[in-house]
PDB file of N, CA and C in Angstrom:
ATOM      1  N   MET A   1       0.839  -1.176   0.000  1.00  0.00           N
ATOM      2  CA  MET A   1       0.000   0.000   0.000  1.00  0.00           C
ATOM      3  C   MET A   1       0.887   1.244   0.000  1.00  0.00           C
ATOM      4  N   LYS A   2       0.564   2.144  -0.887  1.00  0.00           N
ATOM      5  CA  LYS A   2       1.357   3.372  -0.987  1.00  0.00           C
ATOM      6  C   LYS A   2       0.822   4.416  -0.025  1.00  0.00           C
ATOM      7  N   THR A   3       1.719   4.905   0.759  1.00  0.00           N
ATOM      8  CA  THR A   3       1.362   6.023   1.623  1.00  0.00           C
ATOM      9  C   THR A   3       1.657   7.313   0.873  1.00  0.00           C
ATOM     10  N   PRO A   4       1.101   8.416   1.299  1.00  0.00           N
ATOM     11  CA  PRO A   4       1.383   9.684   0.609  1.00  0.00           C
ATOM     12  C   PRO A   4       2.869  10.033   0.594  1.00  0.00           C
ATOM     13  N   ILE A   5       3.588   9.675   1.648  1.00  0.00           N
ATOM     14  CA  ILE A   5       5.027   9.975   1.684  1.00  0.00           C
ATOM     15  C   ILE A   5       5.767   9.134   0.658  1.00  0.00           C
ATOM     16  N   ASN A   6       5.417   7.834   0.560  1.00  0.00           N
ATOM     17  CA  ASN A   6       6.056   6.972  -0.438  1.00  0.00           C
ATOM     18  C   ASN A   6       5.749   7.450  -1.854  1.00  0.00           C
ATOM     19  N   ALA A   7       4.513   7.840  -2.099  1.00  0.00           N
ATOM     20  CA  ALA A   7       4.141   8.331  -3.426  1.00  0.00           C
ATOM     21  C   ALA A   7       4.897   9.606  -3.767  1.00  0.00           C
ATOM     22  N   LEU A   8       5.053  10.489  -2.785  1.00  0.00           N
ATOM     23  CA  LEU A   8       5.788  11.734  -3.012  1.00  0.00           C
ATOM     24  C   LEU A   8       7.259  11.461  -3.293  1.00  0.00           C
ATOM     25  N   LEU A   9       7.869  10.564  -2.510  1.00  0.00           N
ATOM     26  CA  LEU A   9       9.277  10.218  -2.740  1.00  0.00           C
ATOM     27  C   LEU A   9       9.471   9.563  -4.098  1.00  0.00           C
ATOM     28  N   GLU A  10       8.579   8.647  -4.449  1.00  0.00           N
ATOM     29  CA  GLU A  10       8.699   7.966  -5.731  1.00  0.00           C
ATOM     30  C   GLU A  10       8.541   8.944  -6.890  1.00  0.00           C
ATOM     31  N   ALA A  11       7.609   9.868  -6.773  1.00  0.00           N
ATOM     32  CA  ALA A  11       7.396  10.854  -7.836  1.00  0.00           C
ATOM     33  C   ALA A  11       8.590  11.778  -7.974  1.00  0.00           C
ATOM     34  N   SER A  12       9.187  12.169  -6.856  1.00  0.00           N
ATOM     35  CA  SER A  12      10.321  13.086  -6.945  1.00  0.00           C
ATOM     36  C   SER A  12      11.577  12.379  -7.425  1.00  0.00           C
ATOM     37  N   LEU A  13      11.748  11.094  -7.092  1.00  0.00           N
ATOM     38  CA  LEU A  13      12.934  10.361  -7.532  1.00  0.00           C
ATOM     39  C   LEU A  13      12.870  10.016  -9.011  1.00  0.00           C
ATOM     40  N   LEU A  14      11.690   9.750  -9.523  1.00  0.00           N
ATOM     41  CA  LEU A  14      11.555   9.330 -10.915  1.00  0.00           C
ATOM     42  C   LEU A  14      11.257  10.483 -11.860  1.00  0.00           C
ATOM     43  N   ARG A  15      11.207  11.697 -11.343  1.00  0.00           N
ATOM     44  CA  ARG A  15      10.850  12.840 -12.184  1.00  0.00           C
ATOM     45  C   ARG A  15      11.878  13.077 -13.290  1.00  0.00           C
ATOM     46  N   ASP A  16      13.156  12.915 -12.983  1.00  0.00           N
ATOM     47  CA  ASP A  16      14.194  13.152 -13.986  1.00  0.00           C
ATOM     48  C   ASP A  16      14.797  11.864 -14.518  1.00  0.00           C
ATOM     49  N   ALA A  17      14.075  10.780 -14.426  1.00  0.00           N
ATOM     50  CA  ALA A  17      14.586   9.512 -14.944  1.00  0.00           C
ATOM     51  C   ALA A  17      14.572   9.540 -16.465  1.00  0.00           C
ATOM     52  N   ALA A  18      15.442   8.754 -17.058  1.00  0.00           N
ATOM     53  CA  ALA A  18      15.493   8.669 -18.516  1.00  0.00           C
ATOM     54  C   ALA A  18      14.221   8.010 -19.037  1.00  0.00           C
ATOM     55  N   GLU A  19      13.779   8.468 -20.184  1.00  0.00           N
ATOM     56  CA  GLU A  19      12.588   7.913 -20.806  1.00  0.00           C
ATOM     57  C   GLU A  19      13.003   7.093 -22.015  1.00  0.00           C
ATOM     58  N   PRO A  20      12.201   6.109 -22.399  1.00  0.00           N
ATOM     59  CA  PRO A  20      12.540   5.344 -23.600  1.00  0.00           C
ATOM     60  C   PRO A  20      12.577   6.260 -24.829  1.00  0.00           C
ATOM     61  N   PHE A  21      13.560   6.059 -25.672  1.00  0.00           N
ATOM     62  CA  PHE A  21      13.756   6.810 -26.917  1.00  0.00           C
ATOM     63  C   PHE A  21      13.949   8.300 -26.677  1.00  0.00           C
ATOM     64  N   GLN A  22      14.520   8.649 -25.549  1.00  0.00           N
ATOM     65  CA  GLN A  22      14.754  10.052 -25.209  1.00  0.00           C
ATOM     66  C   GLN A  22      15.901  10.603 -26.047  1.00  0.00           C
ATOM     67  N   LEU A  23      15.720  11.780 -26.596  1.00  0.00           N
ATOM     68  CA  LEU A  23      16.777  12.472 -27.319  1.00  0.00           C
ATOM     69  C   LEU A  23      17.270  13.614 -26.452  1.00  0.00           C
ATOM     70  N   GLY A  24      18.566  13.760 -26.353  1.00  0.00           N
ATOM     71  CA  GLY A  24      19.120  14.839 -25.551  1.00  0.00           C
ATOM     72  C   GLY A  24      19.444  14.385 -24.145  1.00  0.00           C
ATOM     73  N   PHE A  25      19.862  15.338 -23.336  1.00  0.00           N
ATOM     74  CA  PHE A  25      20.288  15.061 -21.976  1.00  0.00           C
ATOM     75  C   PHE A  25      19.116  15.136 -21.008  1.00  0.00           C
ATOM     76  N   GLN A  26      19.315  14.543 -19.837  1.00  0.00           N
ATOM     77  CA  GLN A  26      18.356  14.714 -18.757  1.00  0.00           C
ATOM     78  C   GLN A  26      18.573  16.093 -18.149  1.00  0.00           C
ATOM     79  N   ASP A  27      17.664  16.487 -17.280  1.00  0.00           N
ATOM     80  CA  ASP A  27      17.824  17.765 -16.590  1.00  0.00           C
ATOM     81  C   ASP A  27      19.067  17.721 -15.714  1.00  0.00           C
ATOM     82  N   ALA A  28      19.747  18.840 -15.640  1.00  0.00           N
ATOM     83  CA  ALA A  28      20.993  18.907 -14.875  1.00  0.00           C
ATOM     84  C   ALA A  28      20.700  18.836 -13.379  1.00  0.00           C
ATOM     85  N   ALA A  29      21.553  18.083 -12.678  1.00  0.00           N
ATOM     86  CA  ALA A  29      21.403  17.956 -11.229  1.00  0.00           C
ATOM     87  C   ALA A  29      22.514  18.680 -10.486  1.00  0.00           C
ATOM     88  N   SER A  30      23.469  19.244 -11.209  1.00  0.00           N
ATOM     89  CA  SER A  30      24.573  19.957 -10.563  1.00  0.00           C
ATOM     90  C   SER A  30      24.979  21.135 -11.448  1.00  0.00           C
ATOM     91  N   PRO A  31      25.675  22.110 -10.876  1.00  0.00           N
ATOM     92  CA  PRO A  31      26.138  23.242 -11.683  1.00  0.00           C
ATOM     93  C   PRO A  31      27.118  22.829 -12.778  1.00  0.00           C
ATOM     94  N   VAL A  32      27.915  21.797 -12.522  1.00  0.00           N
ATOM     95  CA  VAL A  32      28.862  21.338 -13.547  1.00  0.00           C
ATOM     96  C   VAL A  32      28.102  20.774 -14.739  1.00  0.00           C
ATOM     97  N   MET A  33      27.054  20.010 -14.479  1.00  0.00           N
ATOM     98  CA  MET A  33      26.264  19.456 -15.577  1.00  0.00           C
ATOM     99  C   MET A  33      25.549  20.558 -16.345  1.00  0.00           C
ATOM    100  N   GLU A  34      25.128  21.605 -15.664  1.00  0.00           N
ATOM    101  CA  GLU A  34      24.524  22.738 -16.370  1.00  0.00           C
ATOM    102  C   GLU A  34      25.528  23.377 -17.322  1.00  0.00           C
ATOM    103  N   GLU A  35      26.783  23.496 -16.883  1.00  0.00           N
ATOM    104  CA  GLU A  35      27.828  24.046 -17.750  1.00  0.00           C
ATOM    105  C   GLU A  35      28.114  23.113 -18.926  1.00  0.00           C
ATOM    106  N   ILE A  36      28.085  21.800 -18.687  1.00  0.00           N
ATOM    107  CA  ILE A  36      28.291  20.838 -19.773  1.00  0.00           C
ATOM    108  C   ILE A  36      27.182  20.978 -20.806  1.00  0.00           C
ATOM    109  N   LEU A  37      25.947  21.105 -20.351  1.00  0.00           N
ATOM    110  CA  LEU A  37      24.826  21.281 -21.279  1.00  0.00           C
ATOM    111  C   LEU A  37      24.946  22.581 -22.065  1.00  0.00           C
ATOM    112  N   PHE A  38      25.368  23.653 -21.389  1.00  0.00           N
ATOM    113  CA  PHE A  38      25.543  24.933 -22.077  1.00  0.00           C
ATOM    114  C   PHE A  38      26.631  24.831 -23.139  1.00  0.00           C
ATOM    115  N   LEU A  39      27.747  24.177 -22.808  1.00  0.00           N
ATOM    116  CA  LEU A  39      28.832  24.002 -23.777  1.00  0.00           C
ATOM    117  C   LEU A  39      28.366  23.151 -24.954  1.00  0.00           C
ATOM    118  N   HIS A  40      27.625  22.089 -24.676  1.00  0.00           N
ATOM    119  CA  HIS A  40      27.104  21.237 -25.744  1.00  0.00           C
ATOM    120  C   HIS A  40      26.205  22.032 -26.686  1.00  0.00           C
ATOM    121  N   ASN A  41      25.300  22.817 -26.123  1.00  0.00           N
ATOM    122  CA  ASN A  41      24.388  23.613 -26.953  1.00  0.00           C
ATOM    123  C   ASN A  41      25.138  24.662 -27.766  1.00  0.00           C
ATOM    124  N   GLN A  42      26.159  25.257 -27.172  1.00  0.00           N
ATOM    125  CA  GLN A  42      26.949  26.262 -27.879  1.00  0.00           C
ATOM    126  C   GLN A  42      27.712  25.632 -29.049  1.00  0.00           C
ATOM    127  N   ILE A  43      28.320  24.476 -28.827  1.00  0.00           N
ATOM    128  CA  ILE A  43      29.069  23.807 -29.894  1.00  0.00           C
ATOM    129  C   ILE A  43      28.121  23.336 -30.992  1.00  0.00           C
ATOM    130  N   MET A  44      26.946  22.839 -30.624  1.00  0.00           N
ATOM    131  CA  MET A  44      25.987  22.399 -31.639  1.00  0.00           C
ATOM    132  C   MET A  44      25.505  23.571 -32.495  1.00  0.00           C
ATOM    133  N   PHE A  45      25.339  24.743 -31.896  1.00  0.00           N
ATOM    134  CA  PHE A  45      24.945  25.927 -32.657  1.00  0.00           C
ATOM    135  C   PHE A  45      26.026  26.292 -33.676  1.00  0.00           C
ATOM    136  N   ILE A  46      27.285  26.258 -33.244  1.00  0.00           N
ATOM    137  CA  ILE A  46      28.398  26.561 -34.151  1.00  0.00           C
ATOM    138  C   ILE A  46      28.455  25.537 -35.279  1.00  0.00           C
ATOM    139  N   LEU A  47      28.257  24.255 -34.956  1.00  0.00           N
ATOM    140  CA  LEU A  47      28.291  23.212 -35.980  1.00  0.00           C
ATOM    141  C   LEU A  47      27.164  23.371 -36.996  1.00  0.00           C
ATOM    142  N   ILE A  48      25.995  23.764 -36.545  1.00  0.00           N
ATOM    143  CA  ILE A  48      24.877  23.958 -37.474  1.00  0.00           C
ATOM    144  C   ILE A  48      25.183  25.095 -38.440  1.00  0.00           C
ATOM    145  N   ILE A  49      25.784  26.162 -37.952  1.00  0.00           N
ATOM    146  CA  ILE A  49      26.161  27.271 -38.834  1.00  0.00           C
ATOM    147  C   ILE A  49      27.195  26.808 -39.858  1.00  0.00           C
ATOM    148  N   ILE A  50      28.203  26.054 -39.419  1.00  0.00           N
ATOM    149  CA  ILE A  50      29.249  25.575 -40.330  1.00  0.00           C
ATOM    150  C   ILE A  50      28.665  24.631 -41.371  1.00  0.00           C
ATOM    151  N   ILE A  51      27.840  23.683 -40.938  1.00  0.00           N
ATOM    152  CA  ILE A  51      27.251  22.720 -41.872  1.00  0.00           C
ATOM    153  C   ILE A  51      26.355  23.424 -42.879  1.00  0.00           C
ATOM    154  N   THR A  52      25.587  24.401 -42.443  1.00  0.00           N
ATOM    155  CA  THR A  52      24.727  25.150 -43.357  1.00  0.00           C
ATOM    156  C   THR A  52      25.552  25.902 -44.397  1.00  0.00           C
ATOM    157  N   ALA A  53      26.628  26.540 -43.971  1.00  0.00           N
ATOM    158  CA  ALA A  53      27.475  27.284 -44.911  1.00  0.00           C
ATOM    159  C   ALA A  53      28.138  26.351 -45.916  1.00  0.00           C
ATOM    160  N   VAL A  54      28.629  25.209 -45.453  1.00  0.00           N
ATOM    161  CA  VAL A  54      29.292  24.264 -46.363  1.00  0.00           C
ATOM    162  C   VAL A  54      28.292  23.687 -47.356  1.00  0.00           C
ATOM    163  N   LEU A  55      27.108  23.307 -46.893  1.00  0.00           N
ATOM    164  CA  LEU A  55      26.099  22.784 -47.818  1.00  0.00           C
ATOM    165  C   LEU A  55      25.668  23.832 -48.834  1.00  0.00           C
ATOM    166  N   TRP A  56      25.565  25.085 -48.403  1.00  0.00           N
ATOM    167  CA  TRP A  56      25.210  26.151 -49.338  1.00  0.00           C
ATOM    168  C   TRP A  56      26.283  26.299 -50.419  1.00  0.00           C
ATOM    169  N   LEU A  57      27.554  26.258 -50.007  1.00  0.00           N
ATOM    170  CA  LEU A  57      28.634  26.365 -50.990  1.00  0.00           C
ATOM    171  C   LEU A  57      28.666  25.168 -51.932  1.00  0.00           C
ATOM    172  N   ILE A  58      28.415  23.972 -51.419  1.00  0.00           N
ATOM    173  CA  ILE A  58      28.396  22.780 -52.271  1.00  0.00           C
ATOM    174  C   ILE A  58      27.254  22.860 -53.272  1.00  0.00           C
ATOM    175  N   LEU A  59      26.063  23.205 -52.806  1.00  0.00           N
ATOM    176  CA  LEU A  59      24.921  23.309 -53.721  1.00  0.00           C
ATOM    177  C   LEU A  59      25.120  24.412 -54.748  1.00  0.00           C
ATOM    178  N   ARG A  60      25.719  25.485 -54.332  1.00  0.00           N
ATOM    179  CA  ARG A  60      25.991  26.575 -55.272  1.00  0.00           C
ATOM    180  C   ARG A  60      26.990  26.132 -56.340  1.00  0.00           C
ATOM    181  N   GLY A  61      27.982  25.338 -55.944  1.00  0.00           N
ATOM    182  CA  GLY A  61      28.950  24.832 -56.910  1.00  0.00           C
ATOM    183  C   GLY A  61      28.357  23.797 -57.849  1.00  0.00           C
ATOM    184  N   LEU A  62      27.447  22.964 -57.328  1.00  0.00           N
ATOM    185  CA  LEU A  62      26.834  21.932 -58.161  1.00  0.00           C
ATOM    186  C   LEU A  62      25.832  22.494 -59.158  1.00  0.00           C
ATOM    187  N   THR A  63      25.208  23.611 -58.840  1.00  0.00           N
ATOM    188  CA  THR A  63      24.234  24.195 -59.762  1.00  0.00           C
ATOM    189  C   THR A  63      24.894  24.991 -60.879  1.00  0.00           C
ATOM    190  N   GLY A  64      26.191  25.157 -60.813  1.00  0.00           N
ATOM    191  CA  GLY A  64      26.910  25.823 -61.893  1.00  0.00           C
ATOM    192  C   GLY A  64      26.880  27.332 -61.832  1.00  0.00           C
ATOM    193  N   GLN A  65      26.529  27.890 -60.704  1.00  0.00           N
ATOM    194  CA  GLN A  65      26.553  29.343 -60.598  1.00  0.00           C
ATOM    195  C   GLN A  65      27.998  29.820 -60.667  1.00  0.00           C
ATOM    196  N   ALA A  66      28.167  30.989 -61.230  1.00  0.00           N
ATOM    197  CA  ALA A  66      29.513  31.507 -61.480  1.00  0.00           C
ATOM    198  C   ALA A  66      30.254  31.801 -60.178  1.00  0.00           C
ATOM    199  N   TYR A  67      31.532  31.470 -60.183  1.00  0.00           N
ATOM    200  CA  TYR A  67      32.419  31.802 -59.079  1.00  0.00           C
ATOM    201  C   TYR A  67      33.197  33.055 -59.439  1.00  0.00           C
ATOM    202  N   HIS A  68      33.619  33.751 -58.424  1.00  0.00           N
ATOM    203  CA  HIS A  68      34.515  34.866 -58.650  1.00  0.00           C
ATOM    204  C   HIS A  68      35.844  34.296 -59.125  1.00  0.00           C
ATOM    205  N   ARG A  69      36.500  34.922 -60.064  1.00  0.00           N
ATOM    206  CA  ARG A  69      37.691  34.318 -60.662  1.00  0.00           C
ATOM    207  C   ARG A  69      38.868  34.234 -59.700  1.00  0.00           C
ATOM    208  N   TYR A  70      38.879  35.042 -58.640  1.00  0.00           N
ATOM    209  CA  TYR A  70      39.972  34.966 -57.668  1.00  0.00           C
ATOM    210  C   TYR A  70      39.586  34.152 -56.423  1.00  0.00           C
ATOM    211  N   LEU A  71      38.418  33.529 -56.458  1.00  0.00           N
ATOM    212  CA  LEU A  71      37.965  32.784 -55.286  1.00  0.00           C
ATOM    213  C   LEU A  71      38.740  31.484 -55.097  1.00  0.00           C
ATOM    214  N   VAL A  72      39.051  30.798 -56.167  1.00  0.00           N
ATOM    215  CA  VAL A  72      39.691  29.490 -56.068  1.00  0.00           C
ATOM    216  C   VAL A  72      41.174  29.613 -55.767  1.00  0.00           C
ATOM    217  N   GLU A  73      41.813  30.597 -56.311  1.00  0.00           N
ATOM    218  CA  GLU A  73      43.242  30.775 -56.048  1.00  0.00           C
ATOM    219  C   GLU A  73      43.496  32.220 -55.652  1.00  0.00           C
ATOM    220  N   GLY A  74      44.303  32.389 -54.659  1.00  0.00           N
ATOM    221  CA  GLY A  74      44.608  33.738 -54.212  1.00  0.00           C
ATOM    222  C   GLY A  74      45.010  33.738 -52.752  1.00  0.00           C
ATOM    223  N   THR A  75      45.803  34.720 -52.423  1.00  0.00           N
ATOM    224  CA  THR A  75      46.312  34.823 -51.061  1.00  0.00           C
ATOM    225  C   THR A  75      45.215  35.213 -50.085  1.00  0.00           C
ATOM    226  N   THR A  76      44.308  36.061 -50.510  1.00  0.00           N
ATOM    227  CA  THR A  76      43.262  36.537 -49.610  1.00  0.00           C
ATOM    228  C   THR A  76      42.377  35.394 -49.136  1.00  0.00           C
ATOM    229  N   ILE A  77      41.937  34.556 -50.059  1.00  0.00           N
ATOM    230  CA  ILE A  77      41.051  33.459 -49.663  1.00  0.00           C
ATOM    231  C   ILE A  77      41.782  32.455 -48.784  1.00  0.00           C
ATOM    232  N   GLU A  78      43.067  32.249 -49.002  1.00  0.00           N
ATOM    233  CA  GLU A  78      43.826  31.326 -48.153  1.00  0.00           C
ATOM    234  C   GLU A  78      43.975  31.878 -46.743  1.00  0.00           C
ATOM    235  N   ILE A  79      44.143  33.178 -46.628  1.00  0.00           N
ATOM    236  CA  ILE A  79      44.209  33.790 -45.296  1.00  0.00           C
ATOM    237  C   ILE A  79      42.856  33.656 -44.600  1.00  0.00           C
ATOM    238  N   VAL A  80      41.780  33.896 -45.338  1.00  0.00           N
ATOM    239  CA  VAL A  80      40.439  33.826 -44.750  1.00  0.00           C
ATOM    240  C   VAL A  80      40.133  32.415 -44.270  1.00  0.00           C
ATOM    241  N   TRP A  81      40.391  31.379 -45.093  1.00  0.00           N
ATOM    242  CA  TRP A  81      40.029  30.036 -44.653  1.00  0.00           C
ATOM    243  C   TRP A  81      41.040  29.430 -43.687  1.00  0.00           C
ATOM    244  N   THR A  82      42.061  30.188 -43.333  1.00  0.00           N
ATOM    245  CA  THR A  82      42.937  29.795 -42.231  1.00  0.00           C
ATOM    246  C   THR A  82      42.533  30.504 -40.943  1.00  0.00           C
ATOM    247  N   ILE A  83      42.167  31.767 -41.041  1.00  0.00           N
ATOM    248  CA  ILE A  83      41.837  32.556 -39.853  1.00  0.00           C
ATOM    249  C   ILE A  83      40.469  32.181 -39.278  1.00  0.00           C
ATOM    250  N   ILE A  84      39.472  31.973 -40.123  1.00  0.00           N
ATOM    251  CA  ILE A  84      38.119  31.686 -39.630  1.00  0.00           C
ATOM    252  C   ILE A  84      38.066  30.405 -38.791  1.00  0.00           C
ATOM    253  N   PRO A  85      38.646  29.274 -39.229  1.00  0.00           N
ATOM    254  CA  PRO A  85      38.638  28.093 -38.340  1.00  0.00           C
ATOM    255  C   PRO A  85      39.403  28.316 -37.036  1.00  0.00           C
ATOM    256  N   ALA A  86      40.466  29.108 -37.074  1.00  0.00           N
ATOM    257  CA  ALA A  86      41.202  29.393 -35.838  1.00  0.00           C
ATOM    258  C   ALA A  86      40.328  30.175 -34.864  1.00  0.00           C
ATOM    259  N   ILE A  87      39.571  31.129 -35.364  1.00  0.00           N
ATOM    260  CA  ILE A  87      38.670  31.906 -34.502  1.00  0.00           C
ATOM    261  C   ILE A  87      37.573  31.006 -33.930  1.00  0.00           C
ATOM    262  N   ILE A  88      37.034  30.117 -34.759  1.00  0.00           N
ATOM    263  CA  ILE A  88      36.003  29.190 -34.285  1.00  0.00           C
ATOM    264  C   ILE A  88      36.556  28.284 -33.193  1.00  0.00           C
ATOM    265  N   LEU A  89      37.780  27.796 -33.365  1.00  0.00           N
ATOM    266  CA  LEU A  89      38.392  26.943 -32.343  1.00  0.00           C
ATOM    267  C   LEU A  89      38.619  27.694 -31.038  1.00  0.00           C
ATOM    268  N   VAL A  90      38.950  28.973 -31.121  1.00  0.00           N
ATOM    269  CA  VAL A  90      39.118  29.770 -29.902  1.00  0.00           C
ATOM    270  C   VAL A  90      37.773  29.922 -29.189  1.00  0.00           C
ATOM    271  N   PHE A  91      36.680  30.146 -29.953  1.00  0.00           N
ATOM    272  CA  PHE A  91      35.356  30.257 -29.345  1.00  0.00           C
ATOM    273  C   PHE A  91      34.926  28.960 -28.670  1.00  0.00           C
ATOM    274  N   ILE A  92      35.422  27.830 -29.157  1.00  0.00           N
ATOM    275  CA  ILE A  92      35.110  26.551 -28.524  1.00  0.00           C
ATOM    276  C   ILE A  92      36.067  26.261 -27.374  1.00  0.00           C
ATOM    277  N   ALA A  93      37.327  26.661 -27.499  1.00  0.00           N
ATOM    278  CA  ALA A  93      38.351  26.285 -26.519  1.00  0.00           C
ATOM    279  C   ALA A  93      38.178  26.985 -25.181  1.00  0.00           C
ATOM    280  N   PHE A  94      37.881  28.270 -25.171  1.00  0.00           N
ATOM    281  CA  PHE A  94      37.802  28.988 -23.900  1.00  0.00           C
ATOM    282  C   PHE A  94      36.696  28.452 -22.981  1.00  0.00           C
ATOM    283  N   PRO A  95      35.469  28.258 -23.463  1.00  0.00           N
ATOM    284  CA  PRO A  95      34.461  27.683 -22.556  1.00  0.00           C
ATOM    285  C   PRO A  95      34.789  26.253 -22.124  1.00  0.00           C
ATOM    286  N   SER A  96      35.401  25.464 -23.011  1.00  0.00           N
ATOM    287  CA  SER A  96      35.717  24.091 -22.623  1.00  0.00           C
ATOM    288  C   SER A  96      36.845  24.051 -21.595  1.00  0.00           C
ATOM    289  N   LEU A  97      37.818  24.945 -21.696  1.00  0.00           N
ATOM    290  CA  LEU A  97      38.873  25.004 -20.679  1.00  0.00           C
ATOM    291  C   LEU A  97      38.321  25.491 -19.346  1.00  0.00           C
ATOM    292  N   LYS A  98      37.413  26.451 -19.395  1.00  0.00           N
ATOM    293  CA  LYS A  98      36.769  26.914 -18.161  1.00  0.00           C
ATOM    294  C   LYS A  98      36.033  25.762 -17.488  1.00  0.00           C
ATOM    295  N   LEU A  99      35.334  24.973 -18.285  1.00  0.00           N
ATOM    296  CA  LEU A  99      34.607  23.827 -17.747  1.00  0.00           C
ATOM    297  C   LEU A  99      35.557  22.759 -17.220  1.00  0.00           C
ATOM    298  N   LEU A 100      36.659  22.552 -17.896  1.00  0.00           N
ATOM    299  CA  LEU A 100      37.647  21.570 -17.446  1.00  0.00           C
ATOM    300  C   LEU A 100      38.188  21.933 -16.071  1.00  0.00           C
ATOM    301  N   TYR A 101      38.531  23.189 -15.855  1.00  0.00           N
ATOM    302  CA  TYR A 101      39.043  23.611 -14.555  1.00  0.00           C
ATOM    303  C   TYR A 101      37.943  23.644 -13.499  1.00  0.00           C
ATOM    304  N   LEU A 102      36.708  23.895 -13.899  1.00  0.00           N
ATOM    305  CA  LEU A 102      35.594  23.834 -12.962  1.00  0.00           C
ATOM    306  C   LEU A 102      35.376  22.405 -12.474  1.00  0.00           C
ATOM    307  N   MET A 103      35.531  21.438 -13.371  1.00  0.00           N
ATOM    308  CA  MET A 103      35.361  20.038 -13.003  1.00  0.00           C
ATOM    309  C   MET A 103      36.518  19.536 -12.148  1.00  0.00           C
ATOM    310  N   ASP A 104      37.673  20.151 -12.248  1.00  0.00           N
ATOM    311  CA  ASP A 104      38.854  19.715 -11.514  1.00  0.00           C
ATOM    312  C   ASP A 104      38.888  20.267 -10.094  1.00  0.00           C
ATOM    313  N   GLU A 105      37.992  21.188  -9.782  1.00  0.00           N
ATOM    314  CA  GLU A 105      37.978  21.814  -8.465  1.00  0.00           C
ATOM    315  C   GLU A 105      37.656  20.774  -7.395  1.00  0.00           C
ATOM    316  N   VAL A 106      38.493  20.717  -6.363  1.00  0.00           N
ATOM    317  CA  VAL A 106      38.311  19.751  -5.283  1.00  0.00           C
ATOM    318  C   VAL A 106      37.548  20.427  -4.150  1.00  0.00           C
ATOM    319  N   VAL A 107      36.470  19.801  -3.732  1.00  0.00           N
ATOM    320  CA  VAL A 107      35.640  20.334  -2.660  1.00  0.00           C
ATOM    321  C   VAL A 107      35.860  19.480  -1.416  1.00  0.00           C
ATOM    322  N   GLU A 108      35.967  20.137  -0.269  1.00  0.00           N
ATOM    323  CA  GLU A 108      36.125  19.410   0.995  1.00  0.00           C
ATOM    324  C   GLU A 108      34.874  18.571   1.252  1.00  0.00           C
ATOM    325  N   PRO A 109      35.033  17.280   1.513  1.00  0.00           N
ATOM    326  CA  PRO A 109      33.850  16.453   1.780  1.00  0.00           C
ATOM    327  C   PRO A 109      33.275  16.747   3.157  1.00  0.00           C
ATOM    328  N   GLY A 110      31.968  16.643   3.265  1.00  0.00           N
ATOM    329  CA  GLY A 110      31.312  16.854   4.544  1.00  0.00           C
ATOM    330  C   GLY A 110      31.471  15.655   5.458  1.00  0.00           C
ATOM    331  N   VAL A 111      31.478  14.467   4.881  1.00  0.00           N
ATOM    332  CA  VAL A 111      31.593  13.229   5.648  1.00  0.00           C
ATOM    333  C   VAL A 111      32.589  12.334   4.937  1.00  0.00           C
ATOM    334  N   THR A 112      33.462  11.694   5.694  1.00  0.00           N
ATOM    335  CA  THR A 112      34.373  10.703   5.123  1.00  0.00           C
ATOM    336  C   THR A 112      34.125   9.369   5.796  1.00  0.00           C
ATOM    337  N   VAL A 113      34.240   8.310   5.024  1.00  0.00           N
ATOM    338  CA  VAL A 113      34.038   6.962   5.542  1.00  0.00           C
ATOM    339  C   VAL A 113      35.330   6.193   5.335  1.00  0.00           C
ATOM    340  N   LYS A 114      35.826   5.574   6.383  1.00  0.00           N
ATOM    341  CA  LYS A 114      37.040   4.775   6.295  1.00  0.00           C
ATOM    342  C   LYS A 114      36.634   3.313   6.424  1.00  0.00           C
ATOM    343  N   ALA A 115      36.884   2.545   5.386  1.00  0.00           N
ATOM    344  CA  ALA A 115      36.530   1.126   5.382  1.00  0.00           C
ATOM    345  C   ALA A 115      37.800   0.299   5.528  1.00  0.00           C
ATOM    346  N   ILE A 116      37.809  -0.577   6.479  1.00  0.00           N
ATOM    347  CA  ILE A 116      38.956  -1.454   6.715  1.00  0.00           C
ATOM    348  C   ILE A 116      38.486  -2.883   6.506  1.00  0.00           C
ATOM    349  N   GLY A 117      39.244  -3.619   5.736  1.00  0.00           N
ATOM    350  CA  GLY A 117      38.822  -5.006   5.575  1.00  0.00           C
ATOM    351  C   GLY A 117      39.512  -5.756   4.501  1.00  0.00           C
TER     352      GLY A 117
END
């Protein structure tokens, strides 16, 4: 027989349980997990922009639309396609390093258990 306390505990414990065929992450239970979710969403946004731009360029090339004559060869375009990925990597690296050091932070435990055996 379920008492109201048991029903309340069961409902609160199973509220964030994984569901069958669930896409994405569960709700965050700690500040570190919230930062992981934020980093994941930020990287996915950047990837969607990159994939959209690349697909647009591929489709534009396949349809035979004219290219600028200096687009394929030239110093300017080589500088651009070297600098842009470096900037994107910096936008990804700083939040991930911040998260790495946040995860490495050691917190004093409230209780320690010593097991001998």
